[in-house]
């Protein structure tokens, strides 16, 4: 299990969630990507794990309306499209950051 972030900041103008980790690394996760990564049963098939929502289905101007801590293991975002049932664990956030295209 991954240690919780040392800091989390929502950059609304850039549509990016910035997550600073205890090891000193910082991930900048685009809102659109995070919304598409939602692991809830509405967004991912419970049995097969297949993604139901694709990034193409997420509005380019999606906003983060709210963010709640879930215990010491995850975040629960509320999105401008009305979706708020997904829980983004620290592991999911790290994995999403690793799978982003590298700049340059």
N, C-alpha and C. Protein backbone atom coordinates (compact mmCIF):
# COMPACT_ATOMS: atom_id res chain seq x y z
N UNK A 1 0.85 -1.19 0.00
CA UNK A 1 0.00 0.00 0.00
C UNK A 1 0.89 1.24 0.00
N UNK A 2 0.50 2.21 -0.77
CA UNK A 2 1.25 3.45 -0.91
C UNK A 2 0.92 4.39 0.24
N UNK A 3 1.94 5.09 0.75
CA UNK A 3 1.72 6.11 1.78
C UNK A 3 0.89 7.24 1.21
N UNK A 4 0.07 7.89 2.04
CA UNK A 4 -0.76 8.99 1.55
C UNK A 4 0.09 10.16 1.06
N UNK A 5 -0.47 10.96 0.16
CA UNK A 5 0.24 12.13 -0.33
C UNK A 5 0.56 13.10 0.80
N UNK A 6 1.62 13.86 0.60
CA UNK A 6 1.97 14.89 1.58
C UNK A 6 1.21 16.19 1.29
N UNK A 7 0.72 16.33 0.06
CA UNK A 7 -0.06 17.52 -0.31
C UNK A 7 -0.88 17.21 -1.57
N UNK A 8 -2.08 17.78 -1.63
CA UNK A 8 -2.94 17.64 -2.80
C UNK A 8 -3.50 19.02 -3.12
N UNK A 9 -3.34 19.45 -4.37
CA UNK A 9 -3.86 20.75 -4.78
C UNK A 9 -4.62 20.62 -6.09
N UNK A 10 -5.79 21.22 -6.12
CA UNK A 10 -6.58 21.26 -7.35
C UNK A 10 -6.31 22.59 -8.04
N UNK A 11 -5.80 22.52 -9.25
CA UNK A 11 -5.52 23.71 -10.06
C UNK A 11 -6.65 23.85 -11.08
N UNK A 12 -7.70 24.56 -10.68
CA UNK A 12 -8.90 24.64 -11.52
C UNK A 12 -8.61 25.27 -12.88
N UNK A 13 -7.81 26.32 -12.93
CA UNK A 13 -7.54 26.99 -14.21
C UNK A 13 -6.83 26.05 -15.19
N UNK A 14 -5.96 25.19 -14.67
CA UNK A 14 -5.21 24.25 -15.52
C UNK A 14 -5.91 22.90 -15.67
N UNK A 15 -6.99 22.69 -14.89
CA UNK A 15 -7.72 21.42 -14.87
C UNK A 15 -6.78 20.26 -14.55
N UNK A 16 -6.01 20.45 -13.46
CA UNK A 16 -5.02 19.46 -13.06
C UNK A 16 -5.08 19.26 -11.55
N UNK A 17 -4.99 18.02 -11.12
CA UNK A 17 -4.85 17.70 -9.71
C UNK A 17 -3.37 17.41 -9.47
N UNK A 18 -2.77 18.19 -8.58
CA UNK A 18 -1.36 18.02 -8.26
C UNK A 18 -1.24 17.23 -6.96
N UNK A 19 -0.52 16.13 -7.03
CA UNK A 19 -0.36 15.24 -5.87
C UNK A 19 1.12 15.14 -5.55
N UNK A 20 1.49 15.62 -4.35
CA UNK A 20 2.88 15.52 -3.88
C UNK A 20 2.97 14.32 -2.95
N UNK A 21 3.98 13.50 -3.17
CA UNK A 21 4.16 12.26 -2.42
C UNK A 21 5.29 12.39 -1.41
N UNK A 22 5.27 11.59 -0.35
CA UNK A 22 6.31 11.67 0.68
C UNK A 22 7.73 11.46 0.15
N UNK A 23 7.89 10.76 -0.99
CA UNK A 23 9.23 10.54 -1.55
C UNK A 23 9.75 11.76 -2.32
N UNK A 24 8.95 12.84 -2.35
CA UNK A 24 9.36 14.07 -3.03
C UNK A 24 8.86 14.19 -4.45
N UNK A 25 8.31 13.14 -5.01
CA UNK A 25 7.79 13.22 -6.38
C UNK A 25 6.45 13.94 -6.39
N UNK A 26 6.15 14.55 -7.52
CA UNK A 26 4.89 15.28 -7.69
C UNK A 26 4.27 14.84 -9.01
N UNK A 27 3.01 14.43 -8.95
CA UNK A 27 2.27 14.05 -10.14
C UNK A 27 1.24 15.12 -10.45
N UNK A 28 1.11 15.46 -11.73
CA UNK A 28 0.09 16.40 -12.19
C UNK A 28 -0.85 15.62 -13.10
N UNK A 29 -2.05 15.38 -12.58
CA UNK A 29 -3.02 14.54 -13.27
C UNK A 29 -4.15 15.38 -13.86
N UNK A 30 -4.29 15.36 -15.17
CA UNK A 30 -5.38 16.11 -15.82
C UNK A 30 -6.74 15.62 -15.34
N UNK A 31 -7.63 16.56 -15.07
CA UNK A 31 -8.98 16.21 -14.61
C UNK A 31 -9.66 15.23 -15.56
N UNK A 32 -9.57 15.49 -16.84
CA UNK A 32 -10.25 14.65 -17.82
C UNK A 32 -9.77 13.20 -17.70
N UNK A 33 -8.50 13.03 -17.53
CA UNK A 33 -7.92 11.69 -17.37
C UNK A 33 -8.42 11.03 -16.08
N UNK A 34 -8.43 11.80 -14.98
CA UNK A 34 -8.90 11.25 -13.71
C UNK A 34 -10.36 10.85 -13.78
N UNK A 35 -11.18 11.67 -14.41
CA UNK A 35 -12.60 11.34 -14.55
C UNK A 35 -12.77 10.05 -15.33
N UNK A 36 -11.97 9.88 -16.38
CA UNK A 36 -12.05 8.67 -17.20
C UNK A 36 -11.51 7.44 -16.46
N UNK A 37 -10.68 7.64 -15.45
CA UNK A 37 -10.11 6.53 -14.68
C UNK A 37 -11.04 6.06 -13.55
N UNK A 38 -12.19 6.68 -13.40
CA UNK A 38 -13.09 6.33 -12.31
C UNK A 38 -13.33 4.82 -12.26
N UNK A 39 -13.13 4.21 -11.08
CA UNK A 39 -13.29 2.77 -10.96
C UNK A 39 -14.69 2.31 -10.52
N UNK A 40 -15.65 3.21 -10.41
CA UNK A 40 -16.97 2.82 -9.91
C UNK A 40 -17.71 1.92 -10.90
N UNK A 41 -18.76 1.28 -10.44
CA UNK A 41 -19.51 0.32 -11.26
C UNK A 41 -20.21 0.97 -12.45
N UNK A 42 -20.44 2.28 -12.41
CA UNK A 42 -21.05 2.97 -13.56
C UNK A 42 -20.03 3.22 -14.66
N UNK A 43 -18.76 3.24 -14.29
CA UNK A 43 -17.70 3.58 -15.24
C UNK A 43 -16.85 2.39 -15.67
N UNK A 44 -16.93 1.30 -14.90
CA UNK A 44 -16.15 0.10 -15.18
C UNK A 44 -17.00 -1.12 -14.87
N UNK A 45 -17.06 -2.07 -15.79
CA UNK A 45 -17.85 -3.27 -15.58
C UNK A 45 -17.36 -4.01 -14.35
N UNK A 46 -18.28 -4.29 -13.44
CA UNK A 46 -17.92 -4.94 -12.17
C UNK A 46 -17.32 -6.32 -12.34
N UNK A 47 -17.74 -7.04 -13.36
CA UNK A 47 -17.31 -8.43 -13.53
C UNK A 47 -16.07 -8.54 -14.39
N UNK A 48 -16.05 -7.84 -15.51
CA UNK A 48 -14.92 -7.99 -16.43
C UNK A 48 -13.82 -6.96 -16.18
N UNK A 49 -14.17 -5.85 -15.52
CA UNK A 49 -13.20 -4.77 -15.33
C UNK A 49 -13.07 -3.88 -16.55
N UNK A 50 -13.82 -4.18 -17.61
CA UNK A 50 -13.74 -3.38 -18.84
C UNK A 50 -14.26 -1.98 -18.58
N UNK A 51 -13.58 -1.02 -19.16
CA UNK A 51 -13.95 0.38 -19.01
C UNK A 51 -15.23 0.66 -19.78
N UNK A 52 -16.22 1.25 -19.11
CA UNK A 52 -17.47 1.64 -19.75
C UNK A 52 -17.33 3.06 -20.29
N UNK A 53 -16.79 3.95 -19.47
CA UNK A 53 -16.58 5.33 -19.91
C UNK A 53 -15.17 5.44 -20.50
N UNK A 54 -15.09 6.07 -21.65
CA UNK A 54 -13.80 6.30 -22.30
C UNK A 54 -13.47 7.78 -22.17
N UNK A 55 -12.22 8.12 -22.29
CA UNK A 55 -11.81 9.52 -22.15
C UNK A 55 -12.53 10.40 -23.18
N UNK A 56 -12.86 9.83 -24.33
CA UNK A 56 -13.57 10.60 -25.37
C UNK A 56 -14.97 11.01 -24.91
N UNK A 57 -15.53 10.29 -23.92
CA UNK A 57 -16.85 10.61 -23.39
C UNK A 57 -16.83 11.71 -22.34
N UNK A 58 -15.64 12.08 -21.90
CA UNK A 58 -15.50 13.09 -20.84
C UNK A 58 -15.29 14.46 -21.48
N UNK A 59 -16.08 15.43 -21.05
CA UNK A 59 -15.97 16.79 -21.59
C UNK A 59 -14.55 17.33 -21.38
N UNK A 60 -14.02 18.00 -22.37
CA UNK A 60 -12.68 18.57 -22.26
C UNK A 60 -12.59 19.62 -21.17
N UNK A 61 -13.72 20.26 -20.85
CA UNK A 61 -13.71 21.33 -19.84
C UNK A 61 -14.23 20.84 -18.48
N UNK A 62 -14.12 19.54 -18.20
CA UNK A 62 -14.60 18.98 -16.93
C UNK A 62 -13.92 19.71 -15.76
N UNK A 63 -14.69 19.96 -14.73
CA UNK A 63 -14.17 20.65 -13.54
C UNK A 63 -14.36 19.76 -12.32
N UNK A 64 -13.51 19.97 -11.37
CA UNK A 64 -13.61 19.30 -10.09
C UNK A 64 -14.44 20.19 -9.18
N UNK A 65 -15.63 19.72 -8.79
CA UNK A 65 -16.51 20.51 -7.93
C UNK A 65 -16.23 20.31 -6.46
N UNK A 66 -15.64 19.18 -6.10
CA UNK A 66 -15.34 18.91 -4.70
C UNK A 66 -14.39 17.73 -4.58
N UNK A 67 -13.74 17.63 -3.43
CA UNK A 67 -12.80 16.56 -3.19
C UNK A 67 -12.83 16.22 -1.71
N UNK A 68 -13.12 14.97 -1.40
CA UNK A 68 -13.18 14.52 0.00
C UNK A 68 -12.14 13.43 0.23
N UNK A 69 -11.56 13.42 1.40
CA UNK A 69 -10.68 12.33 1.79
C UNK A 69 -11.56 11.14 2.18
N UNK A 70 -11.11 9.94 1.84
CA UNK A 70 -11.77 8.71 2.24
C UNK A 70 -10.75 7.97 3.10
N UNK A 71 -10.98 8.00 4.40
CA UNK A 71 -10.03 7.39 5.32
C UNK A 71 -8.64 7.94 5.08
N UNK A 72 -7.66 7.06 5.07
CA UNK A 72 -6.28 7.45 4.81
C UNK A 72 -5.77 6.72 3.58
N UNK A 73 -6.71 6.43 2.63
CA UNK A 73 -6.31 5.63 1.49
C UNK A 73 -6.81 6.14 0.14
N UNK A 74 -7.65 7.19 0.11
CA UNK A 74 -8.22 7.58 -1.17
C UNK A 74 -8.86 8.97 -1.14
N UNK A 75 -9.26 9.40 -2.34
CA UNK A 75 -10.01 10.64 -2.54
C UNK A 75 -11.33 10.30 -3.21
N UNK A 76 -12.34 11.08 -2.90
CA UNK A 76 -13.64 10.94 -3.56
C UNK A 76 -13.94 12.28 -4.24
N UNK A 77 -13.76 12.35 -5.56
CA UNK A 77 -14.04 13.59 -6.28
C UNK A 77 -15.51 13.73 -6.66
N UNK A 78 -15.94 14.97 -6.77
CA UNK A 78 -17.24 15.31 -7.34
C UNK A 78 -16.94 16.12 -8.59
N UNK A 79 -17.52 15.71 -9.70
CA UNK A 79 -17.22 16.32 -11.00
C UNK A 79 -18.36 17.19 -11.50
N UNK A 80 -18.02 18.12 -12.38
CA UNK A 80 -19.01 19.05 -12.93
C UNK A 80 -20.05 18.36 -13.80
N UNK A 81 -19.82 17.11 -14.21
CA UNK A 81 -20.82 16.37 -14.98
C UNK A 81 -21.81 15.64 -14.07
N UNK A 82 -21.72 15.88 -12.75
CA UNK A 82 -22.65 15.30 -11.80
C UNK A 82 -22.19 13.97 -11.20
N UNK A 83 -21.09 13.44 -11.68
CA UNK A 83 -20.60 12.14 -11.19
C UNK A 83 -19.82 12.33 -9.89
N UNK A 84 -20.12 11.46 -8.90
CA UNK A 84 -19.40 11.57 -7.62
C UNK A 84 -19.31 10.25 -6.87
N UNK A 85 -19.44 9.13 -7.56
CA UNK A 85 -19.44 7.86 -6.84
C UNK A 85 -18.10 7.13 -6.89
N UNK A 86 -17.12 7.65 -7.60
CA UNK A 86 -15.83 6.98 -7.69
C UNK A 86 -14.91 7.30 -6.53
N UNK A 87 -14.08 6.34 -6.18
CA UNK A 87 -13.07 6.53 -5.14
C UNK A 87 -11.71 6.27 -5.77
N UNK A 88 -10.84 7.27 -5.71
CA UNK A 88 -9.52 7.18 -6.31
C UNK A 88 -8.50 6.88 -5.22
N UNK A 89 -8.05 5.63 -5.16
CA UNK A 89 -7.07 5.24 -4.15
C UNK A 89 -5.70 5.83 -4.50
N UNK A 90 -4.82 5.84 -3.51
CA UNK A 90 -3.45 6.33 -3.77
C UNK A 90 -2.80 5.47 -4.86
N UNK A 91 -3.03 4.15 -4.82
CA UNK A 91 -2.47 3.28 -5.85
C UNK A 91 -2.99 3.65 -7.23
N UNK A 92 -4.29 3.91 -7.33
CA UNK A 92 -4.87 4.28 -8.63
C UNK A 92 -4.26 5.60 -9.13
N UNK A 93 -4.09 6.56 -8.23
CA UNK A 93 -3.50 7.85 -8.63
C UNK A 93 -2.07 7.68 -9.14
N UNK A 94 -1.27 6.86 -8.44
CA UNK A 94 0.11 6.63 -8.88
C UNK A 94 0.14 5.93 -10.22
N UNK A 95 -0.72 4.93 -10.39
CA UNK A 95 -0.77 4.19 -11.64
C UNK A 95 -1.22 5.09 -12.80
N UNK A 96 -2.20 5.94 -12.54
CA UNK A 96 -2.66 6.88 -13.58
C UNK A 96 -1.53 7.81 -13.99
N UNK A 97 -0.74 8.27 -13.02
CA UNK A 97 0.38 9.16 -13.32
C UNK A 97 1.44 8.44 -14.14
N UNK A 98 1.72 7.18 -13.82
CA UNK A 98 2.73 6.40 -14.54
C UNK A 98 2.33 6.16 -15.99
N UNK A 99 1.03 6.09 -16.25
CA UNK A 99 0.57 5.78 -17.59
C UNK A 99 0.37 7.01 -18.46
N UNK A 100 0.62 8.20 -17.90
CA UNK A 100 0.52 9.42 -18.71
C UNK A 100 1.68 9.47 -19.71
N UNK A 101 1.43 10.04 -20.88
CA UNK A 101 2.52 10.21 -21.84
C UNK A 101 3.61 11.11 -21.23
N UNK A 102 4.84 10.76 -21.47
CA UNK A 102 5.96 11.54 -20.96
C UNK A 102 6.17 12.77 -21.84
N UNK A 103 6.41 13.96 -21.21
CA UNK A 103 6.65 15.17 -22.02
C UNK A 103 7.91 15.04 -22.86
N UNK A 104 7.85 15.66 -24.03
CA UNK A 104 9.03 15.71 -24.90
C UNK A 104 9.21 14.46 -25.58
